[in-house]
Amino acid sequence: MPVYEYRCPQCRRRISKLFLTFAEVQTPSCPQCRVAMVKLVSLFSTHRSDDERLEDFSDPATFADVDENDPRSIARWARKMGKELGEDLGPEFDEAVDALERGDEPMDNMDSSEAESLGETASDASLDF
């Protein structure tokens, strides 16, 4: 069932139109101006399995633009990977990435109980890639 987006060349109104089959597809007229609308290029997505997404993580190209000496670079990578997982990684993850974006070491801002909950103390924490 295709869905197409259209824009009116006169009033710039946008609509989405659902067709039941590809055989039904025809250019609609603007409901306001009665002018033939222009078909737009739409975004689309594809479904990928968890295995396919995890396989992408193993590709060395994933790390090509990561500078391990630049916390902001690591933050961009972490956000990208977090988004790829498709799950909310919680406020601790967001706080750590926010700290990296500011140029801070995320473990410097944790108290000892938070660091212990990660299985290490704040004094010996490091990021290893």
N, C-alpha and C. Protein backbone atom coordinates (compact mmCIF):
# COMPACT_ATOMS: atom_id res chain seq x y z
N MET A 1 0.84 -1.18 0.00
CA MET A 1 0.00 0.00 0.00
C MET A 1 0.90 1.25 0.00
N PRO A 2 1.07 1.85 -1.17
CA PRO A 2 1.95 3.01 -1.25
C PRO A 2 1.32 4.27 -0.67
N VAL A 3 2.15 5.08 -0.05
CA VAL A 3 1.76 6.39 0.44
C VAL A 3 2.68 7.39 -0.24
N TYR A 4 2.10 8.38 -0.89
CA TYR A 4 2.88 9.40 -1.58
C TYR A 4 2.57 10.77 -0.97
N GLU A 5 3.56 11.64 -1.02
CA GLU A 5 3.37 13.01 -0.55
C GLU A 5 3.37 13.93 -1.76
N TYR A 6 2.50 14.95 -1.69
CA TYR A 6 2.36 15.90 -2.79
C TYR A 6 2.35 17.32 -2.23
N ARG A 7 2.74 18.26 -3.13
CA ARG A 7 2.70 19.68 -2.77
C ARG A 7 2.05 20.45 -3.92
N CYS A 8 1.23 21.42 -3.56
CA CYS A 8 0.58 22.26 -4.55
C CYS A 8 1.58 23.33 -5.00
N PRO A 9 1.76 23.50 -6.33
CA PRO A 9 2.71 24.51 -6.79
C PRO A 9 2.22 25.95 -6.57
N GLN A 10 0.90 26.13 -6.33
CA GLN A 10 0.37 27.49 -6.12
C GLN A 10 0.32 27.87 -4.65
N CYS A 11 -0.40 27.10 -3.84
CA CYS A 11 -0.59 27.48 -2.43
C CYS A 11 0.42 26.80 -1.49
N ARG A 12 1.26 25.89 -2.04
CA ARG A 12 2.30 25.18 -1.29
C ARG A 12 1.74 24.21 -0.24
N ARG A 13 0.47 23.93 -0.28
CA ARG A 13 -0.14 22.97 0.64
C ARG A 13 0.44 21.58 0.39
N ARG A 14 0.66 20.84 1.48
CA ARG A 14 1.21 19.48 1.38
C ARG A 14 0.16 18.48 1.85
N ILE A 15 0.11 17.36 1.15
CA ILE A 15 -0.79 16.28 1.57
C ILE A 15 -0.07 14.94 1.41
N SER A 16 -0.53 13.96 2.14
CA SER A 16 -0.10 12.57 1.97
C SER A 16 -1.30 11.80 1.47
N LYS A 17 -1.09 10.95 0.49
CA LYS A 17 -2.20 10.21 -0.10
C LYS A 17 -1.87 8.72 -0.08
N LEU A 18 -2.78 7.93 0.48
CA LEU A 18 -2.65 6.49 0.55
C LEU A 18 -3.41 5.86 -0.60
N PHE A 19 -2.74 4.98 -1.33
CA PHE A 19 -3.38 4.24 -2.41
C PHE A 19 -3.40 2.77 -2.00
N LEU A 20 -4.46 2.08 -2.33
CA LEU A 20 -4.58 0.67 -1.96
C LEU A 20 -3.71 -0.24 -2.81
N THR A 21 -3.47 0.16 -4.07
CA THR A 21 -2.59 -0.61 -4.95
C THR A 21 -1.77 0.37 -5.78
N PHE A 22 -0.69 -0.11 -6.37
CA PHE A 22 0.12 0.73 -7.25
C PHE A 22 -0.66 1.09 -8.52
N ALA A 23 -1.59 0.25 -8.92
CA ALA A 23 -2.39 0.53 -10.12
C ALA A 23 -3.29 1.75 -9.93
N GLU A 24 -3.63 2.07 -8.68
CA GLU A 24 -4.51 3.21 -8.40
C GLU A 24 -3.78 4.56 -8.42
N VAL A 25 -2.47 4.55 -8.36
CA VAL A 25 -1.71 5.79 -8.19
C VAL A 25 -1.96 6.75 -9.35
N GLN A 26 -2.41 7.95 -8.99
CA GLN A 26 -2.59 9.03 -9.95
C GLN A 26 -2.39 10.35 -9.23
N THR A 27 -1.95 11.35 -9.95
CA THR A 27 -1.64 12.65 -9.35
C THR A 27 -2.94 13.33 -8.92
N PRO A 28 -3.05 13.67 -7.63
CA PRO A 28 -4.26 14.34 -7.16
C PRO A 28 -4.24 15.83 -7.47
N SER A 29 -5.41 16.43 -7.40
CA SER A 29 -5.54 17.88 -7.51
C SER A 29 -5.57 18.46 -6.12
N CYS A 30 -5.07 19.68 -5.99
CA CYS A 30 -5.09 20.37 -4.70
C CYS A 30 -6.53 20.60 -4.26
N PRO A 31 -6.87 20.23 -3.03
CA PRO A 31 -8.25 20.42 -2.56
C PRO A 31 -8.64 21.89 -2.50
N GLN A 32 -7.66 22.79 -2.42
CA GLN A 32 -7.95 24.21 -2.30
C GLN A 32 -7.92 24.91 -3.66
N CYS A 33 -6.88 24.68 -4.45
CA CYS A 33 -6.68 25.39 -5.72
C CYS A 33 -7.18 24.64 -6.94
N ARG A 34 -7.38 23.35 -6.80
CA ARG A 34 -7.79 22.46 -7.90
C ARG A 34 -6.73 22.37 -8.99
N VAL A 35 -5.47 22.55 -8.63
CA VAL A 35 -4.34 22.45 -9.56
C VAL A 35 -3.68 21.09 -9.32
N ALA A 36 -3.12 20.52 -10.38
CA ALA A 36 -2.41 19.24 -10.23
C ALA A 36 -1.23 19.43 -9.27
N MET A 37 -1.12 18.52 -8.32
CA MET A 37 -0.06 18.62 -7.31
C MET A 37 1.22 17.96 -7.83
N VAL A 38 2.34 18.31 -7.20
CA VAL A 38 3.65 17.78 -7.57
C VAL A 38 4.04 16.72 -6.55
N LYS A 39 4.47 15.55 -7.05
CA LYS A 39 4.89 14.47 -6.14
C LYS A 39 6.23 14.84 -5.52
N LEU A 40 6.36 14.62 -4.21
CA LEU A 40 7.59 14.90 -3.48
C LEU A 40 8.37 13.61 -3.22
N VAL A 41 9.66 13.76 -3.06
CA VAL A 41 10.48 12.63 -2.66
C VAL A 41 10.34 12.51 -1.15
N SER A 42 9.94 11.36 -0.68
CA SER A 42 9.65 11.15 0.74
C SER A 42 10.76 10.36 1.41
N LEU A 43 10.87 10.53 2.71
CA LEU A 43 11.76 9.69 3.49
C LEU A 43 11.14 8.30 3.62
N PHE A 44 11.99 7.32 3.79
CA PHE A 44 11.49 5.98 3.99
C PHE A 44 12.42 5.27 4.96
N SER A 45 11.99 4.18 5.46
CA SER A 45 12.83 3.40 6.36
C SER A 45 12.68 1.93 6.02
N THR A 46 13.66 1.17 6.45
CA THR A 46 13.60 -0.27 6.28
C THR A 46 13.81 -0.92 7.62
N HIS A 47 13.25 -2.07 7.78
CA HIS A 47 13.40 -2.80 9.04
C HIS A 47 14.66 -3.65 8.96
N ARG A 48 15.48 -3.55 10.01
CA ARG A 48 16.68 -4.36 10.10
C ARG A 48 16.60 -5.19 11.37
N SER A 49 17.08 -6.40 11.27
CA SER A 49 17.04 -7.29 12.43
C SER A 49 18.11 -6.85 13.44
N ASP A 50 17.98 -7.33 14.66
CA ASP A 50 18.99 -7.05 15.69
C ASP A 50 20.35 -7.57 15.27
N ASP A 51 20.38 -8.73 14.62
CA ASP A 51 21.65 -9.29 14.15
C ASP A 51 22.32 -8.39 13.12
N GLU A 52 21.53 -7.83 12.21
CA GLU A 52 22.09 -6.92 11.21
C GLU A 52 22.66 -5.65 11.85
N ARG A 53 21.94 -5.11 12.82
CA ARG A 53 22.43 -3.90 13.51
C ARG A 53 23.69 -4.20 14.29
N LEU A 54 23.74 -5.32 14.99
CA LEU A 54 24.94 -5.69 15.75
C LEU A 54 26.12 -5.96 14.83
N GLU A 55 25.85 -6.52 13.67
CA GLU A 55 26.92 -6.77 12.70
C GLU A 55 27.55 -5.46 12.25
N ASP A 56 26.74 -4.42 12.11
CA ASP A 56 27.26 -3.11 11.73
C ASP A 56 28.22 -2.56 12.78
N PHE A 57 27.99 -2.87 14.06
CA PHE A 57 28.87 -2.41 15.13
C PHE A 57 30.28 -2.99 14.97
N SER A 58 30.39 -4.16 14.38
CA SER A 58 31.71 -4.80 14.25
C SER A 58 32.50 -4.27 13.06
N ASP A 59 31.88 -3.47 12.22
CA ASP A 59 32.55 -2.91 11.06
C ASP A 59 33.54 -1.82 11.50
N PRO A 60 34.82 -1.94 11.16
CA PRO A 60 35.82 -0.94 11.56
C PRO A 60 35.49 0.47 11.06
N ALA A 61 34.74 0.58 9.98
CA ALA A 61 34.36 1.90 9.47
C ALA A 61 33.50 2.67 10.48
N THR A 62 32.85 1.94 11.39
CA THR A 62 32.04 2.57 12.43
C THR A 62 32.89 3.50 13.29
N PHE A 63 34.16 3.16 13.43
CA PHE A 63 35.06 3.93 14.29
C PHE A 63 35.98 4.86 13.50
N ALA A 64 35.79 4.97 12.19
CA ALA A 64 36.72 5.70 11.34
C ALA A 64 36.87 7.17 11.75
N ASP A 65 35.79 7.81 12.16
CA ASP A 65 35.87 9.24 12.49
C ASP A 65 35.95 9.50 14.00
N VAL A 66 36.22 8.47 14.79
CA VAL A 66 36.31 8.63 16.24
C VAL A 66 37.76 8.93 16.63
N ASP A 67 37.94 10.07 17.30
CA ASP A 67 39.25 10.43 17.84
C ASP A 67 39.21 10.11 19.33
N GLU A 68 39.90 9.06 19.75
CA GLU A 68 39.82 8.61 21.14
C GLU A 68 40.39 9.62 22.12
N ASN A 69 41.10 10.63 21.63
CA ASN A 69 41.63 11.68 22.50
C ASN A 69 40.70 12.89 22.60
N ASP A 70 39.61 12.86 21.87
CA ASP A 70 38.65 13.97 21.87
C ASP A 70 37.33 13.50 22.48
N PRO A 71 37.00 13.97 23.69
CA PRO A 71 35.75 13.53 24.33
C PRO A 71 34.50 13.84 23.49
N ARG A 72 34.52 14.93 22.75
CA ARG A 72 33.35 15.27 21.92
C ARG A 72 33.16 14.26 20.79
N SER A 73 34.26 13.78 20.24
CA SER A 73 34.20 12.76 19.20
C SER A 73 33.61 11.46 19.77
N ILE A 74 34.03 11.12 20.95
CA ILE A 74 33.50 9.91 21.61
C ILE A 74 32.01 10.09 21.91
N ALA A 75 31.62 11.31 22.30
CA ALA A 75 30.20 11.58 22.59
C ALA A 75 29.36 11.41 21.33
N ARG A 76 29.83 11.92 20.19
CA ARG A 76 29.08 11.74 18.93
C ARG A 76 28.91 10.25 18.61
N TRP A 77 30.01 9.49 18.79
CA TRP A 77 29.94 8.06 18.53
C TRP A 77 28.95 7.37 19.49
N ALA A 78 29.01 7.73 20.78
CA ALA A 78 28.12 7.11 21.78
C ALA A 78 26.66 7.41 21.47
N ARG A 79 26.35 8.65 21.11
CA ARG A 79 24.96 8.99 20.76
C ARG A 79 24.50 8.20 19.54
N LYS A 80 25.38 8.09 18.54
CA LYS A 80 25.04 7.35 17.33
C LYS A 80 24.76 5.88 17.67
N MET A 81 25.61 5.28 18.47
CA MET A 81 25.43 3.88 18.85
C MET A 81 24.18 3.71 19.71
N GLY A 82 23.94 4.66 20.63
CA GLY A 82 22.74 4.60 21.45
C GLY A 82 21.48 4.65 20.61
N LYS A 83 21.50 5.50 19.59
CA LYS A 83 20.34 5.61 18.70
C LYS A 83 20.16 4.33 17.88
N GLU A 84 21.27 3.74 17.44
CA GLU A 84 21.21 2.49 16.68
C GLU A 84 20.59 1.36 17.49
N LEU A 85 20.83 1.35 18.80
CA LEU A 85 20.27 0.30 19.63
C LEU A 85 18.75 0.39 19.70
N GLY A 86 18.22 1.61 19.52
CA GLY A 86 16.78 1.79 19.51
C GLY A 86 16.12 1.67 20.86
N GLU A 87 16.90 1.77 21.92
CA GLU A 87 16.35 1.68 23.27
C GLU A 87 16.83 2.86 24.09
N ASP A 88 16.05 3.22 25.11
CA ASP A 88 16.46 4.26 26.03
C ASP A 88 17.51 3.68 26.97
N LEU A 89 18.69 4.26 26.95
CA LEU A 89 19.78 3.74 27.77
C LEU A 89 19.82 4.37 29.16
N GLY A 90 18.86 5.21 29.45
CA GLY A 90 18.73 5.75 30.79
C GLY A 90 19.44 7.06 31.01
N PRO A 91 19.11 7.71 32.12
CA PRO A 91 19.67 9.03 32.41
C PRO A 91 21.17 9.01 32.66
N GLU A 92 21.70 7.91 33.18
CA GLU A 92 23.14 7.84 33.43
C GLU A 92 23.92 7.92 32.12
N PHE A 93 23.43 7.24 31.11
CA PHE A 93 24.06 7.29 29.79
C PHE A 93 24.02 8.71 29.25
N ASP A 94 22.84 9.35 29.33
CA ASP A 94 22.70 10.71 28.83
C ASP A 94 23.62 11.68 29.57
N GLU A 95 23.72 11.53 30.89
CA GLU A 95 24.60 12.39 31.68
C GLU A 95 26.06 12.20 31.29
N ALA A 96 26.47 10.96 31.09
CA ALA A 96 27.86 10.69 30.72
C ALA A 96 28.18 11.28 29.35
N VAL A 97 27.27 11.14 28.39
CA VAL A 97 27.50 11.68 27.05
C VAL A 97 27.48 13.21 27.08
N ASP A 98 26.56 13.79 27.87
CA ASP A 98 26.54 15.25 28.02
C ASP A 98 27.87 15.75 28.57
N ALA A 99 28.43 15.05 29.54
CA ALA A 99 29.72 15.43 30.11
C ALA A 99 30.82 15.36 29.05
N LEU A 100 30.81 14.33 28.24
CA LEU A 100 31.80 14.21 27.16
C LEU A 100 31.67 15.37 26.18
N GLU A 101 30.43 15.75 25.86
CA GLU A 101 30.22 16.86 24.92
C GLU A 101 30.73 18.18 25.48
N ARG A 102 30.71 18.32 26.79
CA ARG A 102 31.26 19.52 27.43
C ARG A 102 32.78 19.46 27.52
N GLY A 103 33.34 18.30 27.21
CA GLY A 103 34.78 18.12 27.31
C GLY A 103 35.21 17.59 28.66
N ASP A 104 34.26 17.22 29.52
CA ASP A 104 34.57 16.66 30.84
C ASP A 104 34.80 15.16 30.72
N GLU A 105 35.47 14.62 31.70
CA GLU A 105 35.53 13.18 31.84
C GLU A 105 34.28 12.79 32.63
N PRO A 106 33.43 11.92 32.11
CA PRO A 106 32.16 11.62 32.78
C PRO A 106 32.33 11.05 34.18
N MET A 107 33.38 10.31 34.43
CA MET A 107 33.57 9.71 35.75
C MET A 107 33.96 10.75 36.79
N ASP A 108 34.50 11.90 36.35
CA ASP A 108 34.89 12.94 37.30
C ASP A 108 33.68 13.53 38.02
N ASN A 109 32.52 13.47 37.38
CA ASN A 109 31.32 14.07 37.95
C ASN A 109 30.49 13.11 38.78
N MET A 110 30.91 11.85 38.86
CA MET A 110 30.14 10.86 39.62
C MET A 110 30.61 10.81 41.06
N ASP A 111 29.66 10.56 41.95
CA ASP A 111 30.08 10.32 43.32
C ASP A 111 30.50 8.85 43.45
N SER A 112 31.06 8.47 44.56
CA SER A 112 31.62 7.12 44.70
C SER A 112 30.57 6.03 44.57
N SER A 113 29.34 6.27 45.04
CA SER A 113 28.31 5.23 44.94
C SER A 113 27.92 4.98 43.48
N GLU A 114 27.88 6.04 42.66
CA GLU A 114 27.57 5.87 41.25
C GLU A 114 28.69 5.10 40.56
N ALA A 115 29.91 5.44 40.86
CA ALA A 115 31.05 4.76 40.25
C ALA A 115 31.08 3.29 40.65
N GLU A 116 30.79 3.01 41.93
CA GLU A 116 30.78 1.63 42.39
C GLU A 116 29.69 0.83 41.70
N SER A 117 28.56 1.49 41.41
CA SER A 117 27.48 0.77 40.73
C SER A 117 27.89 0.37 39.32
N LEU A 118 28.90 1.04 38.77
CA LEU A 118 29.42 0.67 37.46
C LEU A 118 30.53 -0.37 37.57
N GLY A 119 30.89 -0.72 38.80
CA GLY A 119 31.88 -1.76 39.01
C GLY A 119 33.30 -1.25 39.05
N GLU A 120 33.47 0.05 39.26
CA GLU A 120 34.82 0.60 39.36
C GLU A 120 34.78 1.87 40.22
N THR A 121 35.91 2.32 40.66
CA THR A 121 35.96 3.56 41.42
C THR A 121 36.26 4.70 40.49
N ALA A 122 35.85 5.89 40.87
CA ALA A 122 36.05 7.06 40.01
C ALA A 122 37.52 7.33 39.75
N SER A 123 38.40 6.96 40.66
CA SER A 123 39.82 7.25 40.49
C SER A 123 40.50 6.38 39.45
N ASP A 124 40.00 5.17 39.21
CA ASP A 124 40.67 4.31 38.23
C ASP A 124 39.86 4.09 36.96
N ALA A 125 38.83 4.91 36.74
CA ALA A 125 37.99 4.75 35.55
C ALA A 125 38.71 5.32 34.34
N SER A 126 38.56 4.65 33.22
CA SER A 126 39.09 5.16 31.96
C SER A 126 38.25 4.64 30.83
N LEU A 127 38.36 5.30 29.70
CA LEU A 127 37.65 4.85 28.51
C LEU A 127 38.63 4.10 27.64
N ASP A 128 38.36 2.84 27.35
CA ASP A 128 39.22 2.05 26.51
C ASP A 128 38.46 1.64 25.25
N PHE A 129 39.11 1.77 24.12
CA PHE A 129 38.50 1.36 22.85
C PHE A 129 39.33 0.29 22.24
